[in-house]
Amino acid sequence: MFDKVYAMDAVCPHEGGPLEQGSIEEYRLTCPWHQAVFDIRTGKVSADTTWATDIASYKVFLDDKSGQISIDIDSPGASPDGNDNNTQQLPREQTKSSPSKTPIIQLTLLDKMSHKGTDIMSFKFSRKDDQNYKAGQYYVVNLGTTEDPKGPTRAFTIASSPTEKDAILISTRIRDTPFKQKLSTLEKGTGIKITGPAGDFTLPDDHSRSVVFLSGGIGVTPFRSMAKYATDKQLPLKITMFDSNRNQANILYKDEFDSWTRLNKNLKIIYTITGEEQEGISSVASAAQEWNGERGLIDQAMLSKHLAKDALDKASFYICGPPAMLKALSDLLENDLKVSKNNIKIEEFTGY
């Protein structure tokens, strides 16, 4: 199929998908989890799958006599246009080591909790003293599930803040997959293996520009980490979050978010529900309590209602949620509100 050999990182930068299990058509490699597309010659992400970022590619050396293939992790790969041949002949006296692997960390399950009226569970794992990460990053969790067709690993956003030293928090929807079922039945004291942290869906270093979080369902997890961190550090960063859920029961971390708005004058949260309440399942109030928040999907009218014109023009937007929401809000921001693509960061949650 190819007359050259290419080398690139095997972990999708979006949510840690196993690229070695992806499909290749011509020079386009498609991630098996969320269908991000990469050019195998350069590691560049396709312009059509903007939720992922470029990954590293490496020069490859071939020994024509022995057939040995070696990779130089310190050298750049192919040129951005993909036309350079990144396969070179390896001098017989030269040897190159394989890329070093990300260290594997073992954590212990401290506690787990089901959220009433939902299929969401939260898990608290031990945190090591030297375990550092940025608010909004993720870990890749390995449960060793050999029976899962998507493999033994999944990526989970770290919902806890770096300022919370006692534990690592993740929250996820429990599906019928072997991986999720094993996760849901873990006993306290069980050890798991993780790699990371990774990801650049993080707070800006420049706090002079306000940020707007647009969250859908379980996509709220990185925003919990960011909001908690900004509150604990009292960052001079204005944050407005729109949190969309099907009903009140599915508004994850609401009590915590509400308490942080009282501590952080720069944090504002607008909740909206898109469906009807179901009797007896609300985790935040009785079913009979009237809903006083917004209703419906996050749209231009809702954004304009709660954001000043200069905020729309000057803010950085973070979108996290299911694919349909991500596309709709990206299109809204770029096409209707004329927000520069450079001021939009996206993270997709599909559930698995």
Protein backbone atom coordinates (compact mmCIF):
# COMPACT_ATOMS: atom_id res chain seq x y z
CA MET A 1 0.00 0.00 0.00
CA PHE A 2 2.78 2.43 0.93
CA ASP A 3 6.30 2.75 -0.46
CA LYS A 4 7.52 4.51 2.67
CA VAL A 5 7.45 3.83 6.41
CA TYR A 6 5.97 6.40 8.77
CA ALA A 7 6.04 6.71 12.55
CA MET A 8 3.76 8.75 14.79
CA ASP A 9 2.42 8.66 18.33
CA ALA A 10 -0.15 5.92 18.93
CA VAL A 11 -2.36 7.78 21.44
CA CYS A 12 -5.03 10.17 20.15
CA PRO A 13 -4.54 13.58 21.82
CA HIS A 14 -8.31 14.01 22.16
CA GLU A 15 -9.23 11.32 24.69
CA GLY A 16 -6.40 8.82 24.46
CA GLY A 17 -7.88 6.61 21.75
CA PRO A 18 -5.68 3.69 20.56
CA LEU A 19 -4.65 4.83 17.07
CA GLU A 20 -3.06 1.46 16.31
CA GLN A 21 -6.62 0.11 16.20
CA GLY A 22 -7.78 2.77 13.76
CA SER A 23 -8.51 2.46 10.05
CA ILE A 24 -6.33 3.81 7.23
CA GLU A 25 -7.55 5.05 3.86
CA GLU A 26 -4.79 6.40 1.65
CA TYR A 27 -2.79 8.55 4.13
CA ARG A 28 -5.72 9.24 6.46
CA LEU A 29 -5.73 7.43 9.82
CA THR A 30 -9.08 7.51 11.66
CA CYS A 31 -9.18 7.12 15.44
CA PRO A 32 -11.51 4.22 16.40
CA TRP A 33 -13.07 6.10 19.33
CA HIS A 34 -14.21 9.50 18.11
CA GLN A 35 -13.15 9.44 14.43
CA ALA A 36 -10.49 12.14 14.58
CA VAL A 37 -8.49 11.95 11.35
CA PHE A 38 -4.69 12.32 11.06
CA ASP A 39 -2.23 12.37 8.17
CA ILE A 40 0.12 9.44 8.84
CA ARG A 41 2.94 11.26 7.01
CA THR A 42 2.98 14.26 9.31
CA GLY A 43 0.77 13.62 12.37
CA LYS A 44 -1.34 16.63 11.38
CA VAL A 45 -5.01 16.50 12.34
CA SER A 46 -7.59 16.98 9.61
CA ALA A 47 -9.27 20.38 9.39
CA ASP A 48 -12.59 18.50 9.55
CA THR A 49 -11.94 17.06 13.03
CA THR A 50 -11.02 20.14 14.99
CA TRP A 51 -11.67 18.58 18.42
CA ALA A 52 -8.27 16.85 18.22
CA THR A 53 -4.79 18.35 17.89
CA ASP A 54 -1.68 17.40 15.93
CA ILE A 55 0.46 14.55 17.19
CA ALA A 56 4.19 14.00 16.89
CA SER A 57 5.66 12.18 13.91
CA TYR A 58 9.21 10.86 13.78
CA LYS A 59 11.97 10.17 11.30
CA VAL A 60 12.31 6.51 10.41
CA PHE A 61 15.59 4.81 9.47
CA LEU A 62 15.82 1.57 7.49
CA ASP A 63 18.79 -0.76 7.39
CA ASP A 64 18.57 -2.22 3.89
CA LYS A 65 20.62 -5.26 4.80
CA SER A 66 19.09 -6.34 8.08
CA GLY A 67 15.64 -4.87 7.51
CA GLN A 68 15.85 -3.18 10.91
CA ILE A 69 13.53 -0.22 11.41
CA SER A 70 14.58 2.41 13.94
CA ILE A 71 12.93 5.64 15.03
CA ASP A 72 14.61 8.88 15.98
CA ILE A 73 12.42 10.49 18.64
CA ASP A 74 14.62 13.58 18.74
CA SER A 75 14.21 14.44 15.06
CA PRO A 76 11.21 16.02 13.37
CA GLY A 77 9.11 13.95 11.02
CA ALA A 78 7.82 14.84 7.58
CA SER A 79 7.21 18.41 6.52
CA PRO A 80 3.75 19.89 7.16
CA ASP A 81 2.72 19.44 3.52
CA GLY A 82 3.36 15.72 3.75
CA ASN A 83 5.56 15.61 0.65
CA ASP A 84 8.87 14.81 2.32
CA ASN A 85 9.99 11.24 2.67
CA ASN A 86 10.59 10.73 6.35
CA THR A 87 12.13 7.31 5.77
CA GLN A 88 15.92 7.37 5.61
CA GLN A 89 18.62 4.76 5.32
CA LEU A 90 20.24 4.01 8.68
CA PRO A 91 24.06 3.88 8.73
CA ARG A 92 25.19 0.50 9.99
CA GLU A 93 27.02 1.97 12.98
CA GLN A 94 24.02 4.07 14.09
CA THR A 95 21.35 2.74 16.45
CA LYS A 96 18.26 4.51 17.71
CA SER A 97 16.19 3.64 20.73
CA SER A 98 12.42 3.33 20.66
CA PRO A 99 10.32 6.18 22.05
CA SER A 100 10.14 6.16 25.83
CA LYS A 101 6.77 5.26 27.31
CA THR A 102 4.71 7.43 29.60
CA PRO A 103 5.20 6.24 33.20
CA ILE A 104 2.43 4.06 34.58
CA ILE A 105 0.98 5.09 37.95
CA GLN A 106 -1.06 2.84 40.22
CA LEU A 107 -3.93 4.38 42.18
CA THR A 108 -6.32 2.90 44.73
CA LEU A 109 -10.10 3.30 44.69
CA LEU A 110 -11.12 5.17 47.84
CA ASP A 111 -14.84 5.63 47.22
CA LYS A 112 -17.54 5.50 44.54
CA MET A 113 -20.99 7.04 44.32
CA SER A 114 -24.03 6.61 42.08
CA HIS A 115 -25.96 9.78 41.23
CA LYS A 116 -29.66 9.19 41.86
CA GLY A 117 -31.91 9.28 38.80
CA THR A 118 -29.00 9.04 36.36
CA ASP A 119 -26.57 6.52 34.91
CA ILE A 120 -23.62 8.56 36.23
CA MET A 121 -21.11 7.29 38.78
CA SER A 122 -18.25 9.17 40.43
CA PHE A 123 -15.03 7.54 41.60
CA LYS A 124 -12.38 8.85 44.00
CA PHE A 125 -8.88 7.44 43.71
CA SER A 126 -5.82 8.01 45.84
CA ARG A 127 -3.50 10.81 44.79
CA LYS A 128 0.25 10.59 45.16
CA ASP A 129 2.15 13.52 46.67
CA ASP A 130 4.08 14.18 43.46
CA GLN A 131 1.09 13.65 41.15
CA ASN A 132 0.64 16.95 39.32
CA TYR A 133 -1.72 17.93 36.53
CA LYS A 134 -3.48 20.96 35.09
CA ALA A 135 -7.18 21.67 35.56
CA GLY A 136 -8.99 20.20 32.55
CA GLN A 137 -6.50 17.46 31.68
CA TYR A 138 -7.26 13.74 31.51
CA TYR A 139 -5.79 10.38 32.49
CA VAL A 140 -5.87 7.14 30.51
CA VAL A 141 -7.18 4.34 32.75
CA ASN A 142 -6.23 0.70 32.15
CA LEU A 143 -8.53 -1.93 33.68
CA GLY A 144 -7.11 -4.88 31.75
CA THR A 145 -10.48 -5.75 30.20
CA THR A 146 -9.44 -8.29 27.56
CA GLU A 147 -13.06 -8.96 26.58
CA ASP A 148 -13.80 -5.37 25.55
CA PRO A 149 -13.56 -4.94 21.74
CA LYS A 150 -12.29 -1.37 22.23
CA GLY A 151 -9.46 -2.54 24.42
CA PRO A 152 -8.55 -2.25 28.10
CA THR A 153 -8.05 1.53 28.26
CA ARG A 154 -10.27 4.61 28.29
CA ALA A 155 -9.51 8.30 28.81
CA PHE A 156 -11.25 10.17 31.63
CA THR A 157 -11.16 13.87 32.37
CA ILE A 158 -9.84 14.60 35.86
CA ALA A 159 -12.86 16.24 37.48
CA SER A 160 -10.95 17.16 40.64
CA SER A 161 -8.87 20.31 40.84
CA PRO A 162 -5.09 20.26 41.28
CA THR A 163 -5.81 22.09 44.56
CA GLU A 164 -7.67 19.04 45.93
CA LYS A 165 -4.74 17.07 47.30
CA ASP A 166 -6.67 14.23 48.92
CA ALA A 167 -8.01 12.40 45.84
CA ILE A 168 -8.41 12.14 42.08
CA LEU A 169 -12.06 12.39 40.98
CA ILE A 170 -13.57 11.05 37.78
CA SER A 171 -17.25 10.88 36.84
CA THR A 172 -18.70 8.98 33.91
CA ARG A 173 -21.88 7.49 32.50
CA ILE A 174 -22.04 3.74 33.00
CA ARG A 175 -22.74 1.87 29.77
CA ASP A 176 -23.12 -1.83 28.99
CA THR A 177 -19.56 -2.19 27.69
CA PRO A 178 -17.27 -4.64 29.51
CA PHE A 179 -14.95 -1.76 30.47
CA LYS A 180 -17.68 0.37 32.05
CA GLN A 181 -19.27 -2.60 33.78
CA LYS A 182 -15.93 -3.57 35.33
CA LEU A 183 -15.35 0.02 36.40
CA SER A 184 -18.77 0.22 38.07
CA THR A 185 -18.17 -2.96 40.10
CA LEU A 186 -14.70 -2.09 41.39
CA GLU A 187 -14.42 -2.62 45.13
CA LYS A 188 -12.90 -0.05 47.45
CA GLY A 189 -9.19 -0.73 47.82
CA THR A 190 -8.83 -1.99 44.25
CA GLY A 191 -5.80 -0.73 42.38
CA ILE A 192 -5.93 0.62 38.83
CA LYS A 193 -3.22 1.71 36.42
CA ILE A 194 -3.21 5.12 34.77
CA THR A 195 -0.99 7.07 32.39
CA GLY A 196 -0.89 10.80 31.90
CA PRO A 197 -1.87 13.48 32.53
CA ALA A 198 -2.45 14.73 28.99
CA GLY A 199 -4.52 17.23 27.04
CA ASP A 200 -4.52 20.98 26.42
CA PHE A 201 -8.18 21.70 27.25
CA THR A 202 -6.98 23.89 30.09
CA LEU A 203 -7.38 27.40 31.47
CA PRO A 204 -5.57 30.22 29.67
CA ASP A 205 -2.40 31.68 31.13
CA ASP A 206 -3.68 35.16 30.27
CA HIS A 207 -6.41 36.05 32.78
CA SER A 208 -7.28 39.38 31.19
CA ARG A 209 -9.57 37.72 28.63
CA SER A 210 -12.84 36.28 29.96
CA VAL A 211 -13.83 32.68 29.25
CA VAL A 212 -17.20 31.09 28.52
CA PHE A 213 -17.76 27.41 29.28
CA LEU A 214 -20.45 25.63 27.22
CA SER A 215 -21.21 22.28 28.80
CA GLY A 216 -23.49 19.42 27.83
CA GLY A 217 -24.21 16.53 30.20
CA ILE A 218 -21.15 14.64 31.39
CA GLY A 219 -19.04 17.18 29.47
CA VAL A 220 -19.13 19.29 32.64
CA THR A 221 -16.29 17.30 34.23
CA PRO A 222 -13.35 19.44 33.03
CA PHE A 223 -15.27 22.57 34.02
CA ARG A 224 -15.59 21.33 37.58
CA SER A 225 -11.82 21.06 37.75
CA MET A 226 -11.31 24.51 36.21
CA ALA A 227 -13.97 26.27 38.29
CA LYS A 228 -12.70 24.76 41.53
CA TYR A 229 -9.12 25.66 40.68
CA ALA A 230 -10.01 29.25 39.73
CA THR A 231 -12.00 29.62 42.96
CA ASP A 232 -9.34 28.15 45.23
CA LYS A 233 -6.64 30.28 43.62
CA GLN A 234 -8.93 33.33 43.37
CA LEU A 235 -7.78 33.86 39.80
CA PRO A 236 -8.65 37.26 38.30
CA LEU A 237 -10.39 35.40 35.46
CA LYS A 238 -14.03 36.04 34.61
CA ILE A 239 -15.80 32.72 33.94
CA THR A 240 -19.36 32.28 32.71
CA MET A 241 -20.62 28.71 32.36
CA PHE A 242 -23.73 27.51 30.53
CA ASP A 243 -24.56 23.98 31.70
CA SER A 244 -27.14 22.07 29.63
CA ASN A 245 -28.79 18.85 30.86
CA ARG A 246 -31.90 16.82 30.11
CA ASN A 247 -33.35 17.40 33.59
CA GLN A 248 -32.45 18.55 37.10
CA ALA A 249 -31.25 15.11 38.20
CA ASN A 250 -28.52 15.18 35.57
CA ILE A 251 -27.03 18.50 36.69
CA LEU A 252 -23.78 17.12 38.01
CA TYR A 253 -21.93 18.90 40.87
CA LYS A 254 -24.65 21.58 41.15
CA ASP A 255 -24.32 22.07 44.91
CA GLU A 256 -20.57 22.51 44.56
CA PHE A 257 -20.86 24.92 41.65
CA ASP A 258 -23.42 27.01 43.53
CA SER A 259 -21.19 27.19 46.59
CA TRP A 260 -18.24 28.31 44.46
CA THR A 261 -20.24 31.16 42.91
CA ARG A 262 -20.68 32.51 46.44
CA LEU A 263 -16.92 32.39 47.00
CA ASN A 264 -15.81 33.56 43.57
CA LYS A 265 -17.20 36.86 42.32
CA ASN A 266 -15.78 36.09 38.86
CA LEU A 267 -17.79 32.86 38.45
CA LYS A 268 -21.31 32.86 37.00
CA ILE A 269 -23.31 29.75 36.08
CA ILE A 270 -26.47 29.46 33.96
CA TYR A 271 -28.26 26.12 34.06
CA THR A 272 -30.66 24.98 31.35
CA ILE A 273 -32.69 21.80 30.98
CA THR A 274 -33.80 20.45 27.63
CA GLY A 275 -36.44 17.90 28.65
CA GLU A 276 -39.33 17.45 31.04
CA GLU A 277 -38.76 16.52 34.67
CA GLN A 278 -39.52 12.92 35.59
CA GLU A 279 -41.39 12.49 38.84
CA GLY A 280 -39.36 11.35 41.79
CA ILE A 281 -35.85 11.29 40.30
CA SER A 282 -34.45 14.77 40.85
CA SER A 283 -31.26 14.71 42.91
CA VAL A 284 -31.21 18.48 43.48
CA ALA A 285 -34.79 19.10 44.52
CA SER A 286 -38.13 17.37 44.89
CA ALA A 287 -39.96 16.67 41.66
CA ALA A 288 -42.64 19.13 42.71
CA GLN A 289 -40.22 22.05 42.97
CA GLU A 290 -40.55 24.51 40.15
CA TRP A 291 -37.60 24.93 37.81
CA ASN A 292 -36.50 28.57 37.69
CA GLY A 293 -33.54 28.20 35.36
CA GLU A 294 -33.37 28.31 31.59
CA ARG A 295 -35.07 25.81 29.32
CA GLY A 296 -33.96 24.58 25.93
CA LEU A 297 -30.68 24.16 24.12
CA ILE A 298 -27.91 26.71 24.43
CA ASP A 299 -28.48 29.07 21.51
CA GLN A 300 -27.73 32.59 20.36
CA ALA A 301 -30.64 34.10 22.27
CA MET A 302 -29.52 32.46 25.53
CA LEU A 303 -25.93 33.57 25.10
CA SER A 304 -26.96 37.13 24.25
CA LYS A 305 -29.28 37.24 27.27
CA HIS A 306 -26.53 36.44 29.76
CA LEU A 307 -23.41 37.82 28.09
CA ALA A 308 -22.65 41.44 27.37
CA LYS A 309 -21.80 42.30 23.77
CA ASP A 310 -18.15 42.88 24.58
CA ALA A 311 -18.01 39.47 26.28
CA LEU A 312 -19.24 37.81 23.10
CA ASP A 313 -16.66 39.69 21.09
CA LYS A 314 -13.68 39.23 23.40
CA ALA A 315 -14.22 35.95 25.27
CA SER A 316 -12.55 32.61 24.72
CA PHE A 317 -15.11 29.79 24.40
CA TYR A 318 -14.65 26.26 25.74
CA ILE A 319 -17.14 23.64 24.50
CA CYS A 320 -17.40 20.17 26.00
CA GLY A 321 -20.20 17.69 25.39
CA PRO A 322 -21.62 15.20 22.89
CA PRO A 323 -20.69 15.47 19.18
CA ALA A 324 -24.00 16.98 18.01
CA MET A 325 -23.81 19.74 20.62
CA LEU A 326 -20.18 20.40 19.84
CA LYS A 327 -20.88 20.86 16.13
CA ALA A 328 -23.98 22.99 16.67
CA LEU A 329 -22.26 25.37 19.09
CA SER A 330 -19.09 25.56 17.01
CA ASP A 331 -21.16 26.51 13.96
CA LEU A 332 -23.14 29.03 16.03
CA LEU A 333 -20.03 30.72 17.37
CA GLU A 334 -18.14 30.81 14.09
CA ASN A 335 -20.94 31.49 11.61
CA ASP A 336 -23.53 33.50 13.55
CA LEU A 337 -21.50 35.22 16.27
CA LYS A 338 -18.33 35.55 14.16
CA VAL A 339 -16.07 34.22 16.90
CA SER A 340 -12.57 33.48 15.63
CA LYS A 341 -11.75 29.80 15.45
CA ASN A 342 -8.62 30.60 17.45
CA ASN A 343 -10.85 31.59 20.39
CA ILE A 344 -12.75 28.28 20.49
CA LYS A 345 -11.50 25.18 22.32
CA ILE A 346 -13.47 21.96 22.07
CA GLU A 347 -13.54 18.59 23.82
CA GLU A 348 -15.89 15.82 22.73
CA PHE A 349 -17.67 13.30 24.98
CA THR A 350 -19.39 10.36 23.28
CA GLY A 351 -19.64 7.83 26.11
CA TYR A 352 -18.37 4.27 25.72
